[in-house]
Amino acid sequence: MAKVKIGLVQSSCSHHIEHNIEKAIEGIKKAASNGAQIVCLQELFTSLYFCDVENYDNFKIAETIPGPTTDRLGKIAAELNVVIVASLFEKRAKGLYHNTTAIIDADGQYLGKYRKMHIPDDPAYYEKFYFTPGDLGYKVFQTKYAKIGVLICWDQWYPEASRITALLGAEILFYPTAIGWASTQDEDTNSEQYNAWQTIQRSHAIANGVHTVSVNRVGYEQDGKMKFWGGSFVSNPFGTVLQQASHENEEVLVVEIETDKSDSYRVHWPFLRDRRIDSYSPITKRFIDED
């Protein structure tokens, strides 16, 4: 069996970028000390989730990729012999920005990046103000330990994104995430929202026969108006949650998975075999009207 140990670093963030980066590095080191070989950080881990407001000053947070943070993480990756999945605010050019995840291999080499394709625009999630939709397409990366696919937060609601990434050969789907509850919401609403979020990602695991890894931030932000719900988890290819973090605490999880299990699940539940690809052209339409 091809066994891989996955590290999930679930953290809270502050106004201090350097402190957030140092905390992430400590999380990577802790995961590595517990045997992790691939470590995933949460979405936009260097800062508070700034998309709650439309503020031009927030563009100052952005950086080039590759750039100073990926260079720094590259040294950590090489030192610890771990792959790092790092979500950053990318400055591509003057006035052009993306929500991007960089992948750094276990020898410290920058392998490439994925730019978030689906950009939300909701109260407290004004991402269209900041981020240009990704134009690199869906991506997979051959790391030292596994071929991985990376999608980002709002991408996780779209089965098309996970399907294409799996068809590209991803053995594991990673979802760096920043999602939370309004602090005024009732518990029933909170529970329903979290269950929907987890269920859709577990369904991607089932439909595609791959493990999924979702890493969310935790803690109160936006002056206490938003509680990021944590709940980071790993699902096996049949949707079973192998391990889940709490909704309250910073945690570093290390979960061993067997990527070869995809073959067994796909043989016994041959969803990929039975796809009617000749019938799917209507999926490219916005909506199927009579006209």
Protein backbone atom coordinates (compact mmCIF):
# COMPACT_ATOMS: atom_id res chain seq x y z
CA MET A 1 0.00 0.00 0.00
CA ALA A 2 1.16 3.55 -0.80
CA LYS A 3 0.80 5.15 2.61
CA VAL A 4 1.10 8.91 3.04
CA LYS A 5 0.82 10.91 6.24
CA ILE A 6 -1.10 14.16 5.80
CA GLY A 7 -0.73 17.15 8.13
CA LEU A 8 -3.53 19.68 8.63
CA VAL A 9 -2.69 22.97 10.38
CA GLN A 10 -5.86 24.62 11.72
CA SER A 11 -5.09 28.03 13.23
CA SER A 12 -6.48 31.36 14.27
CA CYS A 13 -4.96 34.51 12.79
CA SER A 14 -4.15 38.02 13.99
CA HIS A 15 -3.37 41.43 12.52
CA HIS A 16 0.35 40.60 12.64
CA ILE A 17 1.43 38.91 9.42
CA GLU A 18 4.82 37.84 10.75
CA HIS A 19 3.18 36.24 13.77
CA ASN A 20 0.78 34.33 11.51
CA ILE A 21 3.61 33.04 9.34
CA GLU A 22 5.63 31.98 12.36
CA LYS A 23 2.60 30.18 13.77
CA ALA A 24 2.11 28.37 10.46
CA ILE A 25 5.77 27.31 10.43
CA GLU A 26 5.45 26.00 13.97
CA GLY A 27 2.40 24.04 12.85
CA ILE A 28 4.33 22.58 9.94
CA LYS A 29 7.16 21.59 12.27
CA LYS A 30 4.74 19.97 14.70
CA ALA A 31 3.05 18.03 11.92
CA ALA A 32 6.43 16.91 10.57
CA SER A 33 7.56 15.80 14.02
CA ASN A 34 4.47 13.57 14.10
CA GLY A 35 5.37 12.02 10.77
CA ALA A 36 3.51 14.22 8.29
CA GLN A 37 4.85 14.11 4.73
CA ILE A 38 2.41 16.54 3.08
CA VAL A 39 1.25 19.53 5.16
CA CYS A 40 -1.64 21.77 4.14
CA LEU A 41 -2.22 25.25 5.58
CA GLN A 42 -5.56 27.06 5.63
CA GLU A 43 -6.69 29.62 3.07
CA LEU A 44 -4.86 32.99 3.22
CA PHE A 45 -2.99 31.90 6.33
CA THR A 46 -0.72 34.96 6.59
CA SER A 47 -3.50 37.37 7.58
CA LEU A 48 -6.94 37.83 8.97
CA TYR A 49 -9.67 37.08 6.45
CA PHE A 50 -9.70 40.58 4.97
CA CYS A 51 -12.49 40.02 2.42
CA ASP A 52 -15.16 40.95 4.97
CA VAL A 53 -14.77 44.55 3.73
CA GLU A 54 -13.88 46.28 0.47
CA ASN A 55 -10.77 48.18 1.49
CA TYR A 56 -8.05 49.19 -0.96
CA ASP A 57 -5.42 49.10 1.78
CA ASN A 58 -5.78 45.32 1.92
CA PHE A 59 -4.09 44.97 -1.46
CA LYS A 60 -0.85 45.80 0.34
CA ILE A 61 -0.94 42.30 1.86
CA ALA A 62 -0.47 40.64 -1.54
CA GLU A 63 2.87 39.28 -2.73
CA THR A 64 4.39 37.62 -5.76
CA ILE A 65 4.34 33.84 -6.15
CA PRO A 66 7.02 32.61 -6.08
CA GLY A 67 8.15 35.26 -3.66
CA PRO A 68 9.25 35.91 -0.08
CA THR A 69 6.84 33.55 1.66
CA THR A 70 7.30 30.66 -0.76
CA ASP A 71 11.09 31.13 -0.49
CA ARG A 72 10.82 30.96 3.28
CA LEU A 73 8.57 27.90 3.21
CA GLY A 74 10.87 26.25 0.69
CA LYS A 75 13.66 26.27 3.25
CA ILE A 76 11.35 24.72 5.85
CA ALA A 77 10.16 22.08 3.39
CA ALA A 78 13.72 21.08 2.55
CA GLU A 79 14.76 21.06 6.20
CA LEU A 80 11.86 18.83 7.23
CA ASN A 81 11.53 16.82 4.00
CA VAL A 82 7.83 17.69 3.71
CA VAL A 83 5.57 18.93 0.93
CA ILE A 84 3.81 22.21 1.81
CA VAL A 85 0.48 23.41 0.40
CA ALA A 86 0.38 27.16 1.08
CA SER A 87 -2.52 29.52 0.28
CA LEU A 88 -1.50 33.14 -0.41
CA PHE A 89 -2.81 36.46 -1.75
CA GLU A 90 -0.98 36.76 -5.07
CA LYS A 91 0.03 40.01 -6.73
CA ARG A 92 0.41 38.98 -10.36
CA ALA A 93 0.90 42.47 -11.80
CA LYS A 94 -0.06 46.03 -10.96
CA GLY A 95 -3.80 45.96 -10.35
CA LEU A 96 -4.11 42.19 -10.94
CA TYR A 97 -4.51 39.86 -7.97
CA HIS A 98 -5.47 36.23 -7.34
CA ASN A 99 -6.33 33.90 -4.48
CA THR A 100 -3.58 31.36 -5.09
CA THR A 101 -2.12 28.24 -3.54
CA ALA A 102 1.56 27.42 -4.00
CA ILE A 103 2.89 23.88 -3.83
CA ILE A 104 6.42 23.31 -2.52
CA ASP A 105 8.00 19.89 -2.83
CA ALA A 106 9.87 18.08 -0.07
CA ASP A 107 13.25 19.23 -1.44
CA GLY A 108 12.16 22.86 -1.14
CA GLN A 109 11.50 23.34 -4.83
CA TYR A 110 8.52 25.43 -5.91
CA LEU A 111 6.37 23.14 -8.09
CA GLY A 112 3.77 25.62 -9.22
CA LYS A 113 0.48 27.21 -8.24
CA TYR A 114 -3.27 26.93 -8.58
CA ARG A 115 -5.41 30.06 -8.83
CA LYS A 116 -8.89 29.90 -7.32
CA MET A 117 -11.47 29.52 -10.08
CA HIS A 118 -14.77 30.18 -8.30
CA ILE A 119 -14.89 33.57 -6.57
CA PRO A 120 -17.75 34.31 -4.13
CA ASP A 121 -19.41 37.63 -3.47
CA ASP A 122 -21.58 37.47 -0.37
CA PRO A 123 -21.97 39.54 2.80
CA ALA A 124 -18.65 39.26 4.67
CA TYR A 125 -17.08 37.40 1.71
CA TYR A 126 -16.45 40.16 -0.85
CA GLU A 127 -13.82 38.24 -2.76
CA LYS A 128 -14.69 39.59 -6.21
CA PHE A 129 -13.38 42.97 -5.05
CA TYR A 130 -9.92 41.46 -4.55
CA PHE A 131 -9.48 38.38 -6.72
CA THR A 132 -9.44 37.84 -10.47
CA PRO A 133 -10.78 34.34 -11.30
CA GLY A 134 -8.07 31.79 -11.94
CA ASP A 135 -6.86 31.33 -15.51
CA LEU A 136 -4.48 28.39 -15.10
CA GLY A 137 -7.26 25.81 -15.20
CA TYR A 138 -7.41 22.88 -12.83
CA LYS A 139 -4.04 21.52 -11.80
CA VAL A 140 -2.27 18.49 -10.36
CA PHE A 141 1.24 18.37 -8.95
CA GLN A 142 3.55 15.38 -8.76
CA THR A 143 5.15 15.71 -5.34
CA LYS A 144 7.65 13.38 -3.72
CA TYR A 145 4.90 11.49 -1.90
CA ALA A 146 1.79 11.66 -4.12
CA LYS A 147 0.19 13.35 -7.09
CA ILE A 148 -2.06 15.98 -5.51
CA GLY A 149 -4.79 18.29 -6.71
CA VAL A 150 -5.50 21.63 -5.04
CA LEU A 151 -8.77 23.58 -5.05
CA ILE A 152 -9.62 26.53 -2.81
CA CYS A 153 -12.61 27.14 -0.52
CA TRP A 154 -15.55 28.23 -2.74
CA ASP A 155 -14.31 25.71 -5.34
CA GLN A 156 -15.33 22.99 -2.90
CA TRP A 157 -19.03 23.41 -3.73
CA TYR A 158 -18.55 22.55 -7.41
CA PRO A 159 -18.44 18.89 -8.45
CA GLU A 160 -17.10 19.88 -11.87
CA ALA A 161 -13.89 21.20 -10.26
CA SER A 162 -13.20 18.07 -8.26
CA ARG A 163 -14.10 15.82 -11.19
CA ILE A 164 -11.70 17.51 -13.61
CA THR A 165 -8.92 17.55 -11.02
CA ALA A 166 -9.43 13.86 -10.34
CA LEU A 167 -9.49 13.09 -14.07
CA LEU A 168 -6.10 14.82 -14.32
CA GLY A 169 -4.79 12.10 -12.01
CA ALA A 170 -4.99 13.61 -8.53
CA GLU A 171 -4.64 10.98 -5.82
CA ILE A 172 -5.63 13.43 -3.07
CA LEU A 173 -7.77 16.59 -3.24
CA PHE A 174 -6.71 19.43 -0.94
CA TYR A 175 -9.03 22.31 -0.03
CA PRO A 176 -7.46 25.23 1.88
CA THR A 177 -10.48 27.04 3.32
CA ALA A 178 -11.71 30.07 5.25
CA ILE A 179 -15.37 29.70 6.17
CA GLY A 180 -17.31 30.53 9.29
CA TRP A 181 -20.56 31.34 11.03
CA ALA A 182 -21.99 34.74 11.84
CA SER A 183 -21.72 34.92 15.63
CA THR A 184 -25.43 35.84 15.84
CA GLN A 185 -26.57 32.61 14.19
CA ASP A 186 -28.40 29.87 16.06
CA GLU A 187 -26.86 26.44 16.59
CA ASP A 188 -29.26 24.64 14.26
CA THR A 189 -28.23 26.90 11.38
CA ASN A 190 -24.57 26.47 12.27
CA SER A 191 -24.91 22.69 12.29
CA GLU A 192 -26.79 22.62 9.00
CA GLN A 193 -24.18 24.79 7.28
CA TYR A 194 -21.23 22.77 8.53
CA ASN A 195 -22.89 19.50 7.58
CA ALA A 196 -23.53 20.78 4.06
CA TRP A 197 -19.91 21.94 3.75
CA GLN A 198 -18.50 18.63 4.89
CA THR A 199 -21.02 16.53 2.97
CA ILE A 200 -20.29 18.15 -0.40
CA GLN A 201 -16.58 17.45 0.01
CA ARG A 202 -17.17 13.89 1.15
CA SER A 203 -19.34 13.46 -1.95
CA HIS A 204 -16.39 14.55 -4.12
CA ALA A 205 -14.33 11.83 -2.46
CA ILE A 206 -16.99 9.24 -3.24
CA ALA A 207 -17.72 10.31 -6.81
CA ASN A 208 -14.05 10.37 -7.72
CA GLY A 209 -12.65 7.61 -5.52
CA VAL A 210 -9.98 9.79 -3.90
CA HIS A 211 -9.15 11.09 -0.43
CA THR A 212 -10.15 14.69 0.31
CA VAL A 213 -8.43 16.99 2.81
CA SER A 214 -10.06 20.21 3.95
CA VAL A 215 -8.19 22.69 6.19
CA ASN A 216 -10.14 25.59 7.68
CA ARG A 217 -9.20 28.43 10.02
CA VAL A 218 -10.68 28.79 13.49
CA GLY A 219 -11.51 31.56 15.94
CA TYR A 220 -13.31 34.90 16.01
CA GLU A 221 -12.55 37.65 13.50
CA GLN A 222 -14.27 40.79 12.20
CA ASP A 223 -14.50 42.23 15.73
CA GLY A 224 -16.24 39.10 16.93
CA LYS A 225 -18.90 39.10 14.19
CA MET A 226 -17.53 36.00 12.49
CA LYS A 227 -16.55 32.70 14.05
CA PHE A 228 -14.51 30.59 11.68
CA TRP A 229 -15.73 27.09 12.33
CA GLY A 230 -12.59 24.98 12.04
CA GLY A 231 -13.73 21.40 11.65
CA SER A 232 -10.85 20.52 9.33
CA PHE A 233 -11.08 16.88 8.24
CA VAL A 234 -9.86 14.05 6.04
CA SER A 235 -12.26 11.80 4.14
CA ASN A 236 -11.43 8.48 2.56
CA PRO A 237 -12.58 7.58 -1.01
CA PHE A 238 -15.93 6.35 0.26
CA GLY A 239 -16.75 9.45 2.29
CA THR A 240 -15.76 8.16 5.72
CA VAL A 241 -14.30 10.90 7.91
CA LEU A 242 -10.98 9.54 9.15
CA GLN A 243 -10.29 12.43 11.50
CA GLN A 244 -11.87 15.80 12.25
CA ALA A 245 -10.67 18.82 14.20
CA SER A 246 -12.84 20.72 16.67
CA HIS A 247 -14.84 23.87 15.98
CA GLU A 248 -13.11 25.73 18.80
CA ASN A 249 -9.38 25.07 18.97
CA GLU A 250 -6.19 25.44 17.04
CA GLU A 251 -5.08 21.94 16.12
CA VAL A 252 -2.48 20.09 14.12
CA LEU A 253 -3.75 16.77 12.82
CA VAL A 254 -1.68 14.04 11.19
CA VAL A 255 -3.67 11.39 9.34
CA GLU A 256 -2.24 8.39 7.51
CA ILE A 257 -3.99 7.51 4.27
CA GLU A 258 -3.49 4.78 1.66
CA THR A 259 -3.69 6.24 -1.84
CA ASP A 260 -3.79 2.75 -3.38
CA LYS A 261 -7.27 2.31 -1.90
CA SER A 262 -8.57 4.42 -4.78
CA ASP A 263 -8.10 1.44 -7.07
CA SER A 264 -10.16 -0.85 -4.86
CA TYR A 265 -12.99 1.66 -4.43
CA ARG A 266 -13.06 2.45 -8.13
CA VAL A 267 -13.11 -1.24 -9.09
CA HIS A 268 -15.96 -2.13 -6.73
CA TRP A 269 -17.90 1.11 -7.29
CA PRO A 270 -16.98 1.92 -10.91
CA PHE A 271 -18.38 5.42 -11.21
CA LEU A 272 -15.60 6.49 -13.57
CA ARG A 273 -16.12 3.44 -15.79
CA ASP A 274 -19.84 4.13 -16.20
CA ARG A 275 -19.66 7.84 -16.94
CA ARG A 276 -21.66 8.69 -20.07
CA ILE A 277 -19.26 11.30 -21.38
CA ASP A 278 -21.19 11.41 -24.68
CA SER A 279 -24.18 12.91 -22.84
CA TYR A 280 -22.53 15.65 -20.79
CA SER A 281 -22.20 18.55 -23.24
CA PRO A 282 -25.19 20.44 -21.71
CA ILE A 283 -23.15 20.94 -18.51
CA THR A 284 -21.30 23.80 -20.20
CA LYS A 285 -24.51 25.87 -20.39
CA ARG A 286 -25.39 28.38 -17.66
CA PHE A 287 -28.95 27.03 -17.57
CA ILE A 288 -30.86 24.77 -19.95
CA ASP A 289 -33.77 26.86 -21.22
CA GLU A 290 -36.33 25.69 -23.74
CA ASP A 291 -35.00 28.33 -26.12
